[in-house]
C-alpha atoms as a PDB file:
ATOM      1  CA  MET A   1     -23.816 -12.037 -18.027  1.00  0.00           C
ATOM      2  CA  SER A   2     -21.280 -10.385 -19.264  1.00  0.00           C
ATOM      3  CA  LYS A   3     -18.161 -11.880 -21.372  1.00  0.00           C
ATOM      4  CA  ILE A   4     -14.803  -9.763 -22.403  1.00  0.00           C
ATOM      5  CA  TYR A   5     -12.580 -10.872 -25.016  1.00  0.00           C
ATOM      6  CA  LEU A   6      -9.240  -9.848 -25.285  1.00  0.00           C
ATOM      7  CA  GLU A   7      -5.960 -11.212 -27.665  1.00  0.00           C
ATOM      8  CA  THR A   8      -2.396  -9.946 -26.965  1.00  0.00           C
ATOM      9  CA  PHE A   9       0.892 -10.175 -28.994  1.00  0.00           C
ATOM     10  CA  ILE A  10       3.991 -10.588 -27.405  1.00  0.00           C
ATOM     11  CA  LYS A  11       6.972 -11.147 -28.776  1.00  0.00           C
ATOM     12  CA  ALA A  12       8.409 -13.867 -26.487  1.00  0.00           C
ATOM     13  CA  ASP A  13       8.505 -17.157 -25.346  1.00  0.00           C
ATOM     14  CA  ILE A  14       5.091 -18.772 -24.287  1.00  0.00           C
ATOM     15  CA  GLN A  15       6.527 -19.814 -21.049  1.00  0.00           C
ATOM     16  CA  LYS A  16       7.932 -16.468 -20.482  1.00  0.00           C
ATOM     17  CA  VAL A  17       4.327 -15.612 -20.946  1.00  0.00           C
ATOM     18  CA  PHE A  18       2.431 -17.959 -19.287  1.00  0.00           C
ATOM     19  CA  ASP A  19       4.686 -17.391 -15.888  1.00  0.00           C
ATOM     20  CA  LEU A  20       4.515 -13.158 -16.364  1.00  0.00           C
ATOM     21  CA  ALA A  21       0.580 -13.794 -16.194  1.00  0.00           C
ATOM     22  CA  ARG A  22       0.643 -16.192 -13.104  1.00  0.00           C
ATOM     23  CA  ASP A  23       3.070 -13.355 -11.377  1.00  0.00           C
ATOM     24  CA  ILE A  24       1.415 -12.088  -8.128  1.00  0.00           C
ATOM     25  CA  ASP A  25       4.451  -9.355  -8.071  1.00  0.00           C
ATOM     26  CA  LEU A  26       3.608  -8.326 -11.792  1.00  0.00           C
ATOM     27  CA  HIS A  27       0.221  -8.208 -11.276  1.00  0.00           C
ATOM     28  CA  GLN A  28       0.591  -5.999  -8.342  1.00  0.00           C
ATOM     29  CA  LYS A  29       3.004  -3.745 -10.411  1.00  0.00           C
ATOM     30  CA  SER A  30       0.015  -3.232 -12.776  1.00  0.00           C
ATOM     31  CA  THR A  31      -2.427  -3.066 -10.553  1.00  0.00           C
ATOM     32  CA  PHE A  32      -0.975   0.566  -8.281  1.00  0.00           C
ATOM     33  CA  LYS A  33      -3.393   2.724  -9.815  1.00  0.00           C
ATOM     34  CA  THR A  34      -6.534   1.137  -7.102  1.00  0.00           C
ATOM     35  CA  GLY A  35      -3.426   0.068  -5.299  1.00  0.00           C
ATOM     36  CA  GLU A  36      -4.025  -3.669  -5.674  1.00  0.00           C
ATOM     37  CA  LYS A  37      -2.616  -5.980  -3.328  1.00  0.00           C
ATOM     38  CA  ALA A  38      -2.310  -9.542  -2.169  1.00  0.00           C
ATOM     39  CA  ILE A  39      -3.228  -9.882   1.391  1.00  0.00           C
ATOM     40  CA  ALA A  40      -3.890 -13.677   1.441  1.00  0.00           C
ATOM     41  CA  GLY A  41      -3.165 -16.852  -0.099  1.00  0.00           C
ATOM     42  CA  LYS A  42      -0.657 -16.425  -2.574  1.00  0.00           C
ATOM     43  CA  THR A  43       1.036 -13.377  -2.138  1.00  0.00           C
ATOM     44  CA  SER A  44       4.033 -13.680  -4.128  1.00  0.00           C
ATOM     45  CA  GLY A  45       5.798 -15.451  -6.599  1.00  0.00           C
ATOM     46  CA  LEU A  46       3.681 -17.885  -9.369  1.00  0.00           C
ATOM     47  CA  ILE A  47       0.627 -19.010  -8.482  1.00  0.00           C
ATOM     48  CA  GLU A  48      -0.387 -22.488  -9.040  1.00  0.00           C
ATOM     49  CA  ASN A  49      -3.491 -24.897  -9.491  1.00  0.00           C
ATOM     50  CA  GLY A  50      -5.289 -25.317  -6.866  1.00  0.00           C
ATOM     51  CA  GLU A  51      -3.866 -22.632  -5.140  1.00  0.00           C
ATOM     52  CA  THR A  52      -6.157 -18.926  -4.023  1.00  0.00           C
ATOM     53  CA  VAL A  53      -5.022 -15.522  -3.345  1.00  0.00           C
ATOM     54  CA  THR A  54      -7.010 -12.524  -1.988  1.00  0.00           C
ATOM     55  CA  TRP A  55      -6.772  -9.500  -3.440  1.00  0.00           C
ATOM     56  CA  LEU A  56      -7.578  -6.397  -1.414  1.00  0.00           C
ATOM     57  CA  ALA A  57      -8.122  -2.567  -3.712  1.00  0.00           C
ATOM     58  CA  LYS A  58     -10.104   0.074  -4.135  1.00  0.00           C
ATOM     59  CA  HIS A  59     -12.459   0.076  -6.978  1.00  0.00           C
ATOM     60  CA  LEU A  60     -15.612   2.674  -7.755  1.00  0.00           C
ATOM     61  CA  GLY A  61     -14.177   4.534  -4.529  1.00  0.00           C
ATOM     62  CA  PHE A  62     -14.748   1.527  -2.225  1.00  0.00           C
ATOM     63  CA  TYR A  63     -12.027  -1.257  -1.049  1.00  0.00           C
ATOM     64  CA  GLN A  64     -12.760  -4.499  -1.872  1.00  0.00           C
ATOM     65  CA  THR A  65     -11.631  -8.204  -1.491  1.00  0.00           C
ATOM     66  CA  HIS A  66     -11.723 -10.627  -4.042  1.00  0.00           C
ATOM     67  CA  THR A  67     -10.618 -14.486  -3.864  1.00  0.00           C
ATOM     68  CA  SER A  68      -9.667 -16.061  -6.107  1.00  0.00           C
ATOM     69  CA  LYS A  69      -8.537 -19.784  -7.251  1.00  0.00           C
ATOM     70  CA  ILE A  70      -7.080 -21.343  -9.884  1.00  0.00           C
ATOM     71  CA  ILE A  71      -8.463 -24.275 -11.019  1.00  0.00           C
ATOM     72  CA  ASN A  72      -7.398 -26.318 -13.394  1.00  0.00           C
ATOM     73  CA  MET A  73      -4.178 -25.252 -14.959  1.00  0.00           C
ATOM     74  CA  GLU A  74      -2.170 -26.584 -18.263  1.00  0.00           C
ATOM     75  CA  LYS A  75       1.748 -25.215 -18.245  1.00  0.00           C
ATOM     76  CA  PRO A  76       2.385 -23.606 -20.564  1.00  0.00           C
ATOM     77  CA  TYR A  77      -1.160 -22.844 -22.438  1.00  0.00           C
ATOM     78  CA  GLN A  78      -3.916 -21.864 -20.292  1.00  0.00           C
ATOM     79  CA  PHE A  79      -5.424 -21.302 -17.062  1.00  0.00           C
ATOM     80  CA  THR A  80      -8.305 -20.461 -15.124  1.00  0.00           C
ATOM     81  CA  ASP A  81      -9.842 -18.460 -11.987  1.00  0.00           C
ATOM     82  CA  VAL A  82     -12.883 -18.081 -10.918  1.00  0.00           C
ATOM     83  CA  MET A  83     -13.700 -15.965  -7.956  1.00  0.00           C
ATOM     84  CA  MET A  84     -14.182 -17.324  -4.632  1.00  0.00           C
ATOM     85  CA  LYS A  85     -15.346 -14.591  -2.037  1.00  0.00           C
ATOM     86  CA  GLY A  86     -16.393 -11.088  -3.403  1.00  0.00           C
ATOM     87  CA  THR A  87     -18.635  -8.543  -4.672  1.00  0.00           C
ATOM     88  CA  PHE A  88     -19.004  -9.937  -8.592  1.00  0.00           C
ATOM     89  CA  LYS A  89     -22.368 -12.789  -8.368  1.00  0.00           C
ATOM     90  CA  SER A  90     -19.481 -15.266  -9.990  1.00  0.00           C
ATOM     91  CA  PHE A  91     -16.344 -14.645 -12.038  1.00  0.00           C
ATOM     92  CA  LYS A  92     -14.159 -16.547 -14.550  1.00  0.00           C
ATOM     93  CA  HIS A  93     -11.271 -15.802 -16.192  1.00  0.00           C
ATOM     94  CA  GLN A  94      -9.575 -18.167 -19.342  1.00  0.00           C
ATOM     95  CA  HIS A  95      -5.168 -17.302 -19.452  1.00  0.00           C
ATOM     96  CA  ILE A  96      -4.788 -19.069 -23.158  1.00  0.00           C
ATOM     97  CA  PHE A  97      -1.150 -19.161 -24.675  1.00  0.00           C
ATOM     98  CA  LYS A  98      -0.977 -19.537 -28.206  1.00  0.00           C
ATOM     99  CA  GLU A  99       2.462 -20.371 -29.467  1.00  0.00           C
ATOM    100  CA  THR A 100       3.757 -18.510 -33.098  1.00  0.00           C
ATOM    101  CA  ASN A 101       6.521 -18.274 -35.042  1.00  0.00           C
ATOM    102  CA  GLU A 102       7.136 -15.143 -33.921  1.00  0.00           C
ATOM    103  CA  GLY A 103       6.034 -15.202 -29.948  1.00  0.00           C
ATOM    104  CA  THR A 104       3.123 -16.327 -27.877  1.00  0.00           C
ATOM    105  CA  LEU A 105      -0.525 -15.025 -28.648  1.00  0.00           C
ATOM    106  CA  MET A 106      -1.823 -14.135 -25.159  1.00  0.00           C
ATOM    107  CA  MET A 107      -5.680 -14.435 -25.110  1.00  0.00           C
ATOM    108  CA  ASP A 108      -7.774 -12.954 -21.745  1.00  0.00           C
ATOM    109  CA  ILE A 109     -11.662 -14.956 -21.678  1.00  0.00           C
ATOM    110  CA  LEU A 110     -13.227 -12.891 -18.805  1.00  0.00           C
ATOM    111  CA  GLU A 111     -16.909 -13.737 -18.102  1.00  0.00           C
ATOM    112  CA  PHE A 112     -18.950 -12.017 -14.932  1.00  0.00           C
ATOM    113  CA  GLU A 113     -22.005 -11.088 -13.112  1.00  0.00           C
ATOM    114  CA  SER A 114     -22.742  -8.343 -11.185  1.00  0.00           C
ATOM    115  CA  PRO A 115     -25.402  -9.063  -8.164  1.00  0.00           C
ATOM    116  CA  PHE A 116     -28.668  -7.150  -8.074  1.00  0.00           C
ATOM    117  CA  GLY A 117     -30.475  -8.625 -10.921  1.00  0.00           C
ATOM    118  CA  ILE A 118     -31.517  -5.901 -14.239  1.00  0.00           C
ATOM    119  CA  ILE A 119     -29.723  -3.018 -12.135  1.00  0.00           C
ATOM    120  CA  GLY A 120     -26.302  -5.131 -12.108  1.00  0.00           C
ATOM    121  CA  LYS A 121     -27.214  -5.929 -15.854  1.00  0.00           C
ATOM    122  CA  LEU A 122     -27.688  -2.422 -16.661  1.00  0.00           C
ATOM    123  CA  PHE A 123     -23.821  -1.512 -14.650  1.00  0.00           C
ATOM    124  CA  ASN A 124     -22.488  -4.372 -15.959  1.00  0.00           C
ATOM    125  CA  HIS A 125     -23.596  -2.541 -20.206  1.00  0.00           C
ATOM    126  CA  PHE A 126     -23.115   0.969 -19.277  1.00  0.00           C
ATOM    127  CA  PHE A 127     -19.868   1.308 -17.102  1.00  0.00           C
ATOM    128  CA  LEU A 128     -18.194  -2.403 -15.494  1.00  0.00           C
ATOM    129  CA  GLU A 129     -17.260  -3.817 -19.105  1.00  0.00           C
ATOM    130  CA  ASN A 130     -14.942  -1.062 -19.472  1.00  0.00           C
ATOM    131  CA  TYR A 131     -13.242  -0.825 -16.419  1.00  0.00           C
ATOM    132  CA  LEU A 132     -12.461  -4.487 -16.720  1.00  0.00           C
ATOM    133  CA  THR A 133     -11.455  -3.847 -20.123  1.00  0.00           C
ATOM    134  CA  SER A 134      -9.061  -1.406 -19.257  1.00  0.00           C
ATOM    135  CA  PHE A 135      -7.899  -2.803 -16.401  1.00  0.00           C
ATOM    136  CA  LEU A 136      -6.843  -5.814 -17.821  1.00  0.00           C
ATOM    137  CA  LEU A 137      -5.500  -4.132 -21.007  1.00  0.00           C
ATOM    138  CA  GLU A 138      -3.559  -2.307 -18.303  1.00  0.00           C
ATOM    139  CA  ARG A 139      -2.062  -5.765 -16.526  1.00  0.00           C
ATOM    140  CA  ASN A 140      -1.542  -6.809 -20.931  1.00  0.00           C
ATOM    141  CA  LYS A 141       0.610  -3.767 -21.730  1.00  0.00           C
ATOM    142  CA  LEU A 142       2.155  -4.673 -18.400  1.00  0.00           C
ATOM    143  CA  ILE A 143       2.987  -8.465 -19.750  1.00  0.00           C
ATOM    144  CA  LYS A 144       3.986  -7.631 -22.719  1.00  0.00           C
ATOM    145  CA  SER A 145       6.528  -4.815 -22.109  1.00  0.00           C
ATOM    146  CA  THR A 146       8.309  -7.318 -19.504  1.00  0.00           C
ATOM    147  CA  ALA A 147       8.341 -10.486 -22.136  1.00  0.00           C
ATOM    148  CA  GLU A 148       9.731  -8.123 -24.765  1.00  0.00           C
ATOM    149  CA  ASN A 149      12.500  -6.281 -22.948  1.00  0.00           C
ATOM    150  CA  ARG A 150      13.912 -10.050 -21.102  1.00  0.00           C
ATOM    151  CA  GLN A 151      14.723 -10.620 -24.439  1.00  0.00           C
END
């Protein structure tokens, strides 16, 4: 299993950052390069605990769907989504938020596993980890700029 850990400091209130991180519409804006679109489940607004969203996007030249469910949420400190259906063998994304004197520290912990045994592990190591890290960094950049510009 591969693991990505990112920290993003945002000069904004924890509630604002928490809400932006679970905003379906903002997520779609951050993924314009892959044309990601929410097509089923919760398709706009703020996703809540127990809700699902199905995404359609073009990744690596192929259209793919990915259905995630929010399995755990403690407002405004954390939420976790897991893949219910999709191309991964497993996919779990923890979103953690910590209040600081200067703003909010947003942390992403993404754990994923590709199918196809050793070939999948090699693909993860040599390509997919960097691809997903870039994907998350782009998303976090938009969350940060949106939160800091709404002060």
